[in-house]
Amino acid sequence: LQTSDLLFWRCSCEQSSPDVLPPTRLSNSSWYPPTLDIVKGITSRIMVSKLTQRVLQLADPFKSVALAKREVSAALQAWRRTEPAAFIRSCPSVDNLHPKSLPEILFMGPSNVGKSSLVNALLGRKLAITSQRAGRTRMLNVFSLAPVVTLIDAPGYGFGSKEKFMELIGNYVELGRCSAVFLLVDAKHGIKEADEYAMQLLASTNAPYQVLLTKADRIKPAELRKQILAAEEAVEQVAMEHGAPREQHVLPVSSRHGSGLDALKTIIFQAATATSSQDKTEV
């Protein structure tokens, strides 16, 4: 607890209730024992301070995830050394999946959220089929960026036979093959009911996932900050419901302008590297 926090807390206590004061130093250098109200005040102040710190971090929304420059540099160098991106196959069910050879990263989200456009931006080539018509992706489309990672573009839920597509995604996640899952949410619309269902699905399988706010260049920075905080609150709420509370920062991205892509590549590289190291240890 910093001195500035204590000063703010003392002033707040004095203004709100004269009977609840922070501990005051006595002439014999002892402290008054803290009461329950004082402890609650400290806890509340820490929570406010944490939120304030997060708001300050969002001065540039596209830097919502703190990454060291050396981490970003190492990831981008590895990304540049990959072989040309290649399409592997389309899988209508998990029975048709390719033999796993590289760490796998899954991209999922509602229809027309920009999954295929984001995958293409990461691949550096237009391999994933994009369309203005929602629901164009119908299968798990697999792309390779050897020797680093395999990217999987999942069908969008919320259009057509969403139960079928969600079942396909769920079956894949339950296999435990993916190193990370990215749940894409439209930055303009925020978390919807279908997205909450998807988060429940991922949390129930303990799949490591992170929320990405797509098309983030289409809204103003102030609104983007609000959507980031709202999404982070939704993720924490779902995690707490499943007994695994955790703090997770939401990353906004723009496939059109490239904003946030360096950070996303770094997170993907770190997840892939961690999986590769684990696989070598198990062998």
C-alpha atoms as a PDB file:
ATOM      1  CA  LEU A   1       0.000   0.000   0.000  1.00  0.00           C
ATOM      2  CA  GLN A   2       1.615   3.241  -1.112  1.00  0.00           C
ATOM      3  CA  THR A   3       1.708   6.481   0.869  1.00  0.00           C
ATOM      4  CA  SER A   4      -0.539   8.174  -1.688  1.00  0.00           C
ATOM      5  CA  ASP A   5      -3.073   5.369  -1.254  1.00  0.00           C
ATOM      6  CA  LEU A   6      -3.057   5.812   2.527  1.00  0.00           C
ATOM      7  CA  LEU A   7      -3.559   9.556   2.210  1.00  0.00           C
ATOM      8  CA  PHE A   8      -6.444   9.082  -0.217  1.00  0.00           C
ATOM      9  CA  TRP A   9      -7.927   6.426   2.061  1.00  0.00           C
ATOM     10  CA  ARG A  10      -7.658   8.622   5.166  1.00  0.00           C
ATOM     11  CA  CYS A  11      -9.371  11.553   3.429  1.00  0.00           C
ATOM     12  CA  SER A  12     -12.098   9.266   2.102  1.00  0.00           C
ATOM     13  CA  CYS A  13     -12.713   7.800   5.547  1.00  0.00           C
ATOM     14  CA  GLU A  14     -12.852  11.212   7.216  1.00  0.00           C
ATOM     15  CA  GLN A  15     -15.336  12.504   4.674  1.00  0.00           C
ATOM     16  CA  SER A  16     -17.563   9.435   4.652  1.00  0.00           C
ATOM     17  CA  SER A  17     -17.654   8.563   8.355  1.00  0.00           C
ATOM     18  CA  PRO A  18     -15.984  10.302  11.327  1.00  0.00           C
ATOM     19  CA  ASP A  19     -16.231   7.058  13.289  1.00  0.00           C
ATOM     20  CA  VAL A  20     -14.093   5.096  10.802  1.00  0.00           C
ATOM     21  CA  LEU A  21     -10.583   6.520  10.769  1.00  0.00           C
ATOM     22  CA  PRO A  22      -7.350   4.982   9.547  1.00  0.00           C
ATOM     23  CA  PRO A  23      -4.777   3.957  12.150  1.00  0.00           C
ATOM     24  CA  THR A  24      -2.990   6.959  13.732  1.00  0.00           C
ATOM     25  CA  ARG A  25       0.509   6.789  15.181  1.00  0.00           C
ATOM     26  CA  LEU A  26       0.580   7.250  18.980  1.00  0.00           C
ATOM     27  CA  SER A  27       3.228   8.912  21.086  1.00  0.00           C
ATOM     28  CA  ASN A  28       4.622   5.503  22.055  1.00  0.00           C
ATOM     29  CA  SER A  29       5.009   4.578  18.349  1.00  0.00           C
ATOM     30  CA  SER A  30       2.295   1.943  18.515  1.00  0.00           C
ATOM     31  CA  TRP A  31      -0.642   1.572  16.152  1.00  0.00           C
ATOM     32  CA  TYR A  32      -4.337   1.234  16.874  1.00  0.00           C
ATOM     33  CA  PRO A  33      -5.465  -2.278  15.956  1.00  0.00           C
ATOM     34  CA  PRO A  34      -7.359  -2.146  12.650  1.00  0.00           C
ATOM     35  CA  THR A  35     -11.102  -2.642  12.853  1.00  0.00           C
ATOM     36  CA  LEU A  36     -13.140  -4.646  10.348  1.00  0.00           C
ATOM     37  CA  ASP A  37     -14.315  -1.421   8.734  1.00  0.00           C
ATOM     38  CA  ILE A  38     -10.705  -0.297   8.306  1.00  0.00           C
ATOM     39  CA  VAL A  39      -9.720  -3.629   6.726  1.00  0.00           C
ATOM     40  CA  LYS A  40     -12.664  -3.331   4.339  1.00  0.00           C
ATOM     41  CA  GLY A  41     -11.539   0.182   3.517  1.00  0.00           C
ATOM     42  CA  ILE A  42      -8.041  -1.000   2.671  1.00  0.00           C
ATOM     43  CA  THR A  43      -9.387  -3.790   0.456  1.00  0.00           C
ATOM     44  CA  SER A  44     -11.733  -1.424  -1.338  1.00  0.00           C
ATOM     45  CA  ARG A  45      -8.942   1.104  -1.880  1.00  0.00           C
ATOM     46  CA  ILE A  46      -6.619  -1.551  -3.338  1.00  0.00           C
ATOM     47  CA  MET A  47      -9.353  -2.602  -5.764  1.00  0.00           C
ATOM     48  CA  VAL A  48      -9.912   1.005  -6.832  1.00  0.00           C
ATOM     49  CA  SER A  49      -6.165   1.483  -7.239  1.00  0.00           C
ATOM     50  CA  LYS A  50      -5.948  -1.632  -9.412  1.00  0.00           C
ATOM     51  CA  LEU A  51      -8.765  -0.406 -11.646  1.00  0.00           C
ATOM     52  CA  THR A  52      -7.164   3.028 -11.897  1.00  0.00           C
ATOM     53  CA  GLN A  53      -3.872   1.429 -12.910  1.00  0.00           C
ATOM     54  CA  ARG A  54      -5.653  -0.570 -15.615  1.00  0.00           C
ATOM     55  CA  VAL A  55      -7.351   2.554 -16.964  1.00  0.00           C
ATOM     56  CA  LEU A  56      -3.974   4.278 -17.186  1.00  0.00           C
ATOM     57  CA  GLN A  57      -2.570   1.277 -19.074  1.00  0.00           C
ATOM     58  CA  LEU A  58      -5.313   1.767 -21.632  1.00  0.00           C
ATOM     59  CA  ALA A  59      -4.131   5.243 -22.609  1.00  0.00           C
ATOM     60  CA  ASP A  60      -3.209   3.441 -25.835  1.00  0.00           C
ATOM     61  CA  PRO A  61      -5.859   0.684 -26.121  1.00  0.00           C
ATOM     62  CA  PHE A  62      -3.741  -1.295 -28.583  1.00  0.00           C
ATOM     63  CA  LYS A  63      -1.095  -1.692 -25.866  1.00  0.00           C
ATOM     64  CA  SER A  64      -3.572  -3.270 -23.457  1.00  0.00           C
ATOM     65  CA  VAL A  65      -1.306  -6.302 -23.031  1.00  0.00           C
ATOM     66  CA  ALA A  66       2.053  -5.408 -21.499  1.00  0.00           C
ATOM     67  CA  LEU A  67       4.884  -7.076 -23.389  1.00  0.00           C
ATOM     68  CA  ALA A  68       8.610  -6.435 -23.129  1.00  0.00           C
ATOM     69  CA  LYS A  69      10.293  -5.111 -26.272  1.00  0.00           C
ATOM     70  CA  ARG A  70      12.700  -8.053 -26.311  1.00  0.00           C
ATOM     71  CA  GLU A  71       9.745 -10.477 -26.248  1.00  0.00           C
ATOM     72  CA  VAL A  72       8.103  -8.770 -29.205  1.00  0.00           C
ATOM     73  CA  SER A  73      11.408  -8.596 -31.088  1.00  0.00           C
ATOM     74  CA  ALA A  74      12.130 -12.313 -30.581  1.00  0.00           C
ATOM     75  CA  ALA A  75       8.626 -13.293 -31.684  1.00  0.00           C
ATOM     76  CA  LEU A  76       8.701 -11.158 -34.834  1.00  0.00           C
ATOM     77  CA  GLN A  77      12.111 -12.527 -35.797  1.00  0.00           C
ATOM     78  CA  ALA A  78      10.795 -16.078 -35.471  1.00  0.00           C
ATOM     79  CA  TRP A  79       7.706 -15.100 -37.468  1.00  0.00           C
ATOM     80  CA  ARG A  80       9.856 -13.743 -40.305  1.00  0.00           C
ATOM     81  CA  ARG A  81      11.856 -16.987 -40.417  1.00  0.00           C
ATOM     82  CA  THR A  82       8.805 -19.171 -41.003  1.00  0.00           C
ATOM     83  CA  GLU A  83       8.255 -20.958 -44.267  1.00  0.00           C
ATOM     84  CA  PRO A  84       5.620 -19.542 -46.638  1.00  0.00           C
ATOM     85  CA  ALA A  85       2.173 -20.087 -45.158  1.00  0.00           C
ATOM     86  CA  ALA A  86       0.377 -23.134 -46.497  1.00  0.00           C
ATOM     87  CA  PHE A  87      -3.170 -24.486 -46.442  1.00  0.00           C
ATOM     88  CA  ILE A  88      -3.278 -28.010 -44.980  1.00  0.00           C
ATOM     89  CA  ARG A  89      -6.889 -29.168 -45.107  1.00  0.00           C
ATOM     90  CA  SER A  90     -10.513 -28.496 -44.175  1.00  0.00           C
ATOM     91  CA  CYS A  91     -12.005 -30.753 -41.512  1.00  0.00           C
ATOM     92  CA  PRO A  92     -15.793 -31.266 -41.259  1.00  0.00           C
ATOM     93  CA  SER A  93     -15.243 -33.233 -38.049  1.00  0.00           C
ATOM     94  CA  VAL A  94     -12.435 -34.021 -35.621  1.00  0.00           C
ATOM     95  CA  ASP A  95     -12.129 -37.440 -37.251  1.00  0.00           C
ATOM     96  CA  ASN A  96     -10.632 -35.709 -40.291  1.00  0.00           C
ATOM     97  CA  LEU A  97      -7.957 -33.784 -38.406  1.00  0.00           C
ATOM     98  CA  HIS A  98      -4.407 -33.821 -39.688  1.00  0.00           C
ATOM     99  CA  PRO A  99      -1.659 -35.528 -37.648  1.00  0.00           C
ATOM    100  CA  LYS A 100      -0.393 -32.944 -35.193  1.00  0.00           C
ATOM    101  CA  SER A 101       3.169 -31.815 -35.905  1.00  0.00           C
ATOM    102  CA  LEU A 102       3.218 -28.224 -34.603  1.00  0.00           C
ATOM    103  CA  PRO A 103       1.538 -26.346 -31.739  1.00  0.00           C
ATOM    104  CA  GLU A 104      -2.015 -25.483 -32.743  1.00  0.00           C
ATOM    105  CA  ILE A 105      -3.818 -22.174 -32.233  1.00  0.00           C
ATOM    106  CA  LEU A 106      -7.606 -21.986 -32.647  1.00  0.00           C
ATOM    107  CA  PHE A 107      -9.522 -18.888 -33.722  1.00  0.00           C
ATOM    108  CA  MET A 108     -13.229 -18.937 -32.943  1.00  0.00           C
ATOM    109  CA  GLY A 109     -16.037 -16.409 -32.697  1.00  0.00           C
ATOM    110  CA  PRO A 110     -19.404 -15.373 -34.137  1.00  0.00           C
ATOM    111  CA  SER A 111     -20.066 -15.214 -37.857  1.00  0.00           C
ATOM    112  CA  ASN A 112     -18.727 -12.156 -39.684  1.00  0.00           C
ATOM    113  CA  VAL A 113     -16.445 -11.155 -36.784  1.00  0.00           C
ATOM    114  CA  GLY A 114     -13.370 -11.167 -39.012  1.00  0.00           C
ATOM    115  CA  LYS A 115     -11.728 -14.504 -38.159  1.00  0.00           C
ATOM    116  CA  SER A 116     -10.596 -15.315 -41.681  1.00  0.00           C
ATOM    117  CA  SER A 117      -9.320 -11.761 -42.270  1.00  0.00           C
ATOM    118  CA  LEU A 118      -7.291 -11.945 -39.055  1.00  0.00           C
ATOM    119  CA  VAL A 119      -5.883 -15.367 -39.960  1.00  0.00           C
ATOM    120  CA  ASN A 120      -4.844 -14.018 -43.371  1.00  0.00           C
ATOM    121  CA  ALA A 121      -3.154 -11.028 -41.728  1.00  0.00           C
ATOM    122  CA  LEU A 122      -1.154 -13.411 -39.539  1.00  0.00           C
ATOM    123  CA  LEU A 123      -0.319 -15.728 -42.436  1.00  0.00           C
ATOM    124  CA  GLY A 124       0.799 -12.852 -44.634  1.00  0.00           C
ATOM    125  CA  ARG A 125      -1.213 -14.372 -47.490  1.00  0.00           C
ATOM    126  CA  LYS A 126      -4.894 -14.567 -48.432  1.00  0.00           C
ATOM    127  CA  LEU A 127      -5.373 -18.281 -47.883  1.00  0.00           C
ATOM    128  CA  ALA A 128      -8.459 -18.234 -45.660  1.00  0.00           C
ATOM    129  CA  ILE A 129     -11.621 -17.487 -47.621  1.00  0.00           C
ATOM    130  CA  THR A 130     -13.240 -14.194 -46.635  1.00  0.00           C
ATOM    131  CA  SER A 131     -16.717 -13.014 -47.531  1.00  0.00           C
ATOM    132  CA  GLN A 132     -19.208 -10.281 -46.700  1.00  0.00           C
ATOM    133  CA  ARG A 133     -21.766 -13.070 -46.392  1.00  0.00           C
ATOM    134  CA  ALA A 134     -21.882 -14.399 -42.844  1.00  0.00           C
ATOM    135  CA  GLY A 135     -21.229 -18.076 -42.224  1.00  0.00           C
ATOM    136  CA  ARG A 136     -18.902 -18.709 -45.172  1.00  0.00           C
ATOM    137  CA  THR A 137     -16.533 -20.845 -43.071  1.00  0.00           C
ATOM    138  CA  ARG A 138     -18.172 -24.230 -42.492  1.00  0.00           C
ATOM    139  CA  MET A 139     -15.294 -26.440 -41.355  1.00  0.00           C
ATOM    140  CA  LEU A 140     -12.093 -26.308 -39.342  1.00  0.00           C
ATOM    141  CA  ASN A 141      -9.639 -24.841 -41.851  1.00  0.00           C
ATOM    142  CA  VAL A 142      -6.007 -25.629 -41.023  1.00  0.00           C
ATOM    143  CA  PHE A 143      -3.011 -23.499 -42.054  1.00  0.00           C
ATOM    144  CA  SER A 144       0.677 -24.060 -41.374  1.00  0.00           C
ATOM    145  CA  LEU A 145       3.407 -21.578 -40.504  1.00  0.00           C
ATOM    146  CA  ALA A 146       6.264 -24.055 -40.177  1.00  0.00           C
ATOM    147  CA  PRO A 147       8.273 -24.499 -38.102  1.00  0.00           C
ATOM    148  CA  VAL A 148       6.449 -22.368 -35.535  1.00  0.00           C
ATOM    149  CA  VAL A 149       2.726 -22.957 -35.413  1.00  0.00           C
ATOM    150  CA  THR A 150      -0.491 -24.210 -37.012  1.00  0.00           C
ATOM    151  CA  LEU A 151      -3.457 -21.824 -37.189  1.00  0.00           C
ATOM    152  CA  ILE A 152      -7.022 -23.154 -37.248  1.00  0.00           C
ATOM    153  CA  ASP A 153      -9.917 -21.043 -38.516  1.00  0.00           C
ATOM    154  CA  ALA A 154     -13.148 -22.343 -36.953  1.00  0.00           C
ATOM    155  CA  PRO A 155     -16.703 -21.920 -38.303  1.00  0.00           C
ATOM    156  CA  GLY A 156     -18.562 -18.930 -36.925  1.00  0.00           C
ATOM    157  CA  TYR A 157     -21.345 -19.536 -34.437  1.00  0.00           C
ATOM    158  CA  GLY A 158     -24.581 -17.578 -34.458  1.00  0.00           C
ATOM    159  CA  PHE A 159     -25.444 -18.232 -38.110  1.00  0.00           C
ATOM    160  CA  GLY A 160     -27.166 -21.200 -39.674  1.00  0.00           C
ATOM    161  CA  SER A 161     -26.656 -24.433 -37.720  1.00  0.00           C
ATOM    162  CA  LYS A 162     -24.811 -22.818 -34.821  1.00  0.00           C
ATOM    163  CA  GLU A 163     -25.340 -25.852 -32.587  1.00  0.00           C
ATOM    164  CA  LYS A 164     -23.539 -28.021 -35.133  1.00  0.00           C
ATOM    165  CA  PHE A 165     -20.608 -25.630 -35.419  1.00  0.00           C
ATOM    166  CA  MET A 166     -20.338 -25.118 -31.664  1.00  0.00           C
ATOM    167  CA  GLU A 167     -20.323 -28.897 -31.221  1.00  0.00           C
ATOM    168  CA  LEU A 168     -17.503 -29.178 -33.762  1.00  0.00           C
ATOM    169  CA  ILE A 169     -15.482 -26.531 -31.931  1.00  0.00           C
ATOM    170  CA  GLY A 170     -16.210 -28.141 -28.563  1.00  0.00           C
ATOM    171  CA  ASN A 171     -15.117 -31.562 -29.801  1.00  0.00           C
ATOM    172  CA  TYR A 172     -11.840 -30.125 -31.040  1.00  0.00           C
ATOM    173  CA  VAL A 173     -11.123 -28.187 -27.832  1.00  0.00           C
ATOM    174  CA  GLU A 174     -11.814 -31.261 -25.703  1.00  0.00           C
ATOM    175  CA  LEU A 175      -9.049 -33.131 -27.537  1.00  0.00           C
ATOM    176  CA  GLY A 176      -6.551 -30.911 -25.748  1.00  0.00           C
ATOM    177  CA  ARG A 177      -4.534 -30.351 -28.923  1.00  0.00           C
ATOM    178  CA  CYS A 178      -4.535 -26.560 -29.001  1.00  0.00           C
ATOM    179  CA  SER A 179      -1.905 -24.480 -27.258  1.00  0.00           C
ATOM    180  CA  ALA A 180      -4.235 -21.489 -27.093  1.00  0.00           C
ATOM    181  CA  VAL A 181      -7.690 -20.405 -28.184  1.00  0.00           C
ATOM    182  CA  PHE A 182      -8.523 -16.886 -29.298  1.00  0.00           C
ATOM    183  CA  LEU A 183     -12.153 -15.895 -28.926  1.00  0.00           C
ATOM    184  CA  LEU A 184     -12.935 -13.085 -31.347  1.00  0.00           C
ATOM    185  CA  VAL A 185     -15.519 -10.450 -30.429  1.00  0.00           C
ATOM    186  CA  ASP A 186     -16.588  -7.472 -32.527  1.00  0.00           C
ATOM    187  CA  ALA A 187     -15.258  -4.363 -30.768  1.00  0.00           C
ATOM    188  CA  LYS A 188     -18.303  -2.352 -31.769  1.00  0.00           C
ATOM    189  CA  HIS A 189     -20.851  -4.757 -30.300  1.00  0.00           C
ATOM    190  CA  GLY A 190     -18.937  -6.206 -27.342  1.00  0.00           C
ATOM    191  CA  ILE A 191     -19.678  -9.471 -25.540  1.00  0.00           C
ATOM    192  CA  LYS A 192     -22.985 -11.040 -26.606  1.00  0.00           C
ATOM    193  CA  GLU A 193     -24.941 -13.989 -25.233  1.00  0.00           C
ATOM    194  CA  ALA A 194     -23.393 -16.396 -27.733  1.00  0.00           C
ATOM    195  CA  ASP A 195     -19.914 -15.195 -26.724  1.00  0.00           C
ATOM    196  CA  GLU A 196     -20.715 -15.839 -23.060  1.00  0.00           C
ATOM    197  CA  TYR A 197     -21.788 -19.369 -23.991  1.00  0.00           C
ATOM    198  CA  ALA A 198     -18.485 -19.837 -25.832  1.00  0.00           C
ATOM    199  CA  MET A 199     -16.555 -18.628 -22.769  1.00  0.00           C
ATOM    200  CA  GLN A 200     -18.498 -21.073 -20.598  1.00  0.00           C
ATOM    201  CA  LEU A 201     -17.557 -23.868 -22.995  1.00  0.00           C
ATOM    202  CA  LEU A 202     -13.865 -22.959 -22.925  1.00  0.00           C
ATOM    203  CA  ALA A 203     -13.789 -22.482 -19.157  1.00  0.00           C
ATOM    204  CA  SER A 204     -15.444 -25.863 -18.589  1.00  0.00           C
ATOM    205  CA  THR A 205     -12.668 -27.598 -20.549  1.00  0.00           C
ATOM    206  CA  ASN A 206      -9.874 -25.538 -18.922  1.00  0.00           C
ATOM    207  CA  ALA A 207      -8.760 -24.476 -22.379  1.00  0.00           C
ATOM    208  CA  PRO A 208      -6.308 -21.553 -22.327  1.00  0.00           C
ATOM    209  CA  TYR A 209      -8.086 -18.765 -24.161  1.00  0.00           C
ATOM    210  CA  GLN A 210      -7.890 -15.020 -24.694  1.00  0.00           C
ATOM    211  CA  VAL A 211     -10.463 -12.573 -26.000  1.00  0.00           C
ATOM    212  CA  LEU A 212      -9.611 -10.427 -29.022  1.00  0.00           C
ATOM    213  CA  LEU A 213     -11.671  -7.382 -29.970  1.00  0.00           C
ATOM    214  CA  THR A 214     -11.682  -7.292 -33.772  1.00  0.00           C
ATOM    215  CA  LYS A 215     -12.321  -4.338 -36.096  1.00  0.00           C
ATOM    216  CA  ALA A 216     -11.034  -2.138 -33.287  1.00  0.00           C
ATOM    217  CA  ASP A 217     -10.110   0.633 -35.712  1.00  0.00           C
ATOM    218  CA  ARG A 218     -13.789   1.278 -36.415  1.00  0.00           C
ATOM    219  CA  ILE A 219     -14.637   2.772 -33.015  1.00  0.00           C
ATOM    220  CA  LYS A 220     -13.216   5.690 -31.047  1.00  0.00           C
ATOM    221  CA  PRO A 221     -10.466   5.036 -28.445  1.00  0.00           C
ATOM    222  CA  ALA A 222     -12.728   6.018 -25.531  1.00  0.00           C
ATOM    223  CA  GLU A 223     -15.360   3.489 -26.590  1.00  0.00           C
ATOM    224  CA  LEU A 224     -12.677   0.869 -27.205  1.00  0.00           C
ATOM    225  CA  ARG A 225     -11.411   1.308 -23.638  1.00  0.00           C
ATOM    226  CA  LYS A 226     -14.917   0.692 -22.312  1.00  0.00           C
ATOM    227  CA  GLN A 227     -15.295  -2.444 -24.414  1.00  0.00           C
ATOM    228  CA  ILE A 228     -11.921  -3.778 -23.228  1.00  0.00           C
ATOM    229  CA  LEU A 229     -12.821  -3.316 -19.555  1.00  0.00           C
ATOM    230  CA  ALA A 230     -16.298  -4.798 -20.067  1.00  0.00           C
ATOM    231  CA  ALA A 231     -14.871  -7.858 -21.835  1.00  0.00           C
ATOM    232  CA  GLU A 232     -12.250  -8.373 -19.124  1.00  0.00           C
ATOM    233  CA  GLU A 233     -14.960  -8.222 -16.475  1.00  0.00           C
ATOM    234  CA  ALA A 234     -17.017 -10.832 -18.369  1.00  0.00           C
ATOM    235  CA  VAL A 235     -14.012 -13.170 -18.647  1.00  0.00           C
ATOM    236  CA  GLU A 236     -13.264 -12.890 -14.911  1.00  0.00           C
ATOM    237  CA  GLN A 237     -16.915 -13.512 -14.044  1.00  0.00           C
ATOM    238  CA  VAL A 238     -17.047 -16.716 -16.100  1.00  0.00           C
ATOM    239  CA  ALA A 239     -13.732 -17.880 -14.618  1.00  0.00           C
ATOM    240  CA  MET A 240     -15.014 -17.335 -11.082  1.00  0.00           C
ATOM    241  CA  GLU A 241     -18.160 -19.341 -11.850  1.00  0.00           C
ATOM    242  CA  HIS A 242     -15.932 -22.273 -12.785  1.00  0.00           C
ATOM    243  CA  GLY A 243     -13.765 -21.923  -9.693  1.00  0.00           C
ATOM    244  CA  ALA A 244     -10.730 -20.656 -11.554  1.00  0.00           C
ATOM    245  CA  PRO A 245     -10.608 -16.890 -11.044  1.00  0.00           C
ATOM    246  CA  ARG A 246      -7.949 -15.259 -13.149  1.00  0.00           C
ATOM    247  CA  GLU A 247      -6.980 -11.898 -14.515  1.00  0.00           C
ATOM    248  CA  GLN A 248      -6.773 -11.636 -18.258  1.00  0.00           C
ATOM    249  CA  HIS A 249      -6.156  -8.639 -20.455  1.00  0.00           C
ATOM    250  CA  VAL A 250      -8.207  -8.344 -23.627  1.00  0.00           C
ATOM    251  CA  LEU A 251      -6.336  -7.393 -26.802  1.00  0.00           C
ATOM    252  CA  PRO A 252      -7.894  -5.214 -29.527  1.00  0.00           C
ATOM    253  CA  VAL A 253      -6.757  -5.877 -33.092  1.00  0.00           C
ATOM    254  CA  SER A 254      -7.323  -4.495 -36.557  1.00  0.00           C
ATOM    255  CA  SER A 255      -6.697  -6.715 -39.577  1.00  0.00           C
ATOM    256  CA  ARG A 256      -7.110  -3.732 -41.908  1.00  0.00           C
ATOM    257  CA  HIS A 257      -4.574  -1.438 -40.221  1.00  0.00           C
ATOM    258  CA  GLY A 258      -2.398  -4.081 -38.562  1.00  0.00           C
ATOM    259  CA  SER A 259      -2.893  -2.584 -35.101  1.00  0.00           C
ATOM    260  CA  GLY A 260      -2.295  -5.083 -32.302  1.00  0.00           C
ATOM    261  CA  LEU A 261      -0.905  -7.741 -34.635  1.00  0.00           C
ATOM    262  CA  ASP A 262       2.657  -7.582 -33.293  1.00  0.00           C
ATOM    263  CA  ALA A 263       1.346  -8.197 -29.780  1.00  0.00           C
ATOM    264  CA  LEU A 264      -0.862 -11.041 -31.043  1.00  0.00           C
ATOM    265  CA  LYS A 265       2.059 -12.663 -32.871  1.00  0.00           C
ATOM    266  CA  THR A 266       4.093 -12.438 -29.674  1.00  0.00           C
ATOM    267  CA  ILE A 267       1.389 -14.111 -27.583  1.00  0.00           C
ATOM    268  CA  ILE A 268       0.991 -16.861 -30.186  1.00  0.00           C
ATOM    269  CA  PHE A 269       4.758 -17.411 -30.342  1.00  0.00           C
ATOM    270  CA  GLN A 270       5.000 -17.634 -26.552  1.00  0.00           C
ATOM    271  CA  ALA A 271       2.145 -20.168 -26.382  1.00  0.00           C
ATOM    272  CA  ALA A 272       3.674 -22.242 -29.168  1.00  0.00           C
ATOM    273  CA  THR A 273       7.130 -22.156 -27.583  1.00  0.00           C
ATOM    274  CA  ALA A 274       5.756 -23.210 -24.203  1.00  0.00           C
ATOM    275  CA  THR A 275       3.938 -26.153 -25.803  1.00  0.00           C
ATOM    276  CA  SER A 276       7.018 -27.237 -27.756  1.00  0.00           C
ATOM    277  CA  SER A 277       9.133 -27.178 -24.585  1.00  0.00           C
ATOM    278  CA  GLN A 278       6.511 -29.188 -22.721  1.00  0.00           C
ATOM    279  CA  ASP A 279       6.299 -31.788 -25.487  1.00  0.00           C
ATOM    280  CA  LYS A 280      10.091 -32.204 -25.461  1.00  0.00           C
ATOM    281  CA  THR A 281      10.074 -32.630 -21.685  1.00  0.00           C
ATOM    282  CA  GLU A 282       7.377 -35.310 -21.866  1.00  0.00           C
ATOM    283  CA  VAL A 283       9.306 -37.191 -24.547  1.00  0.00           C
END
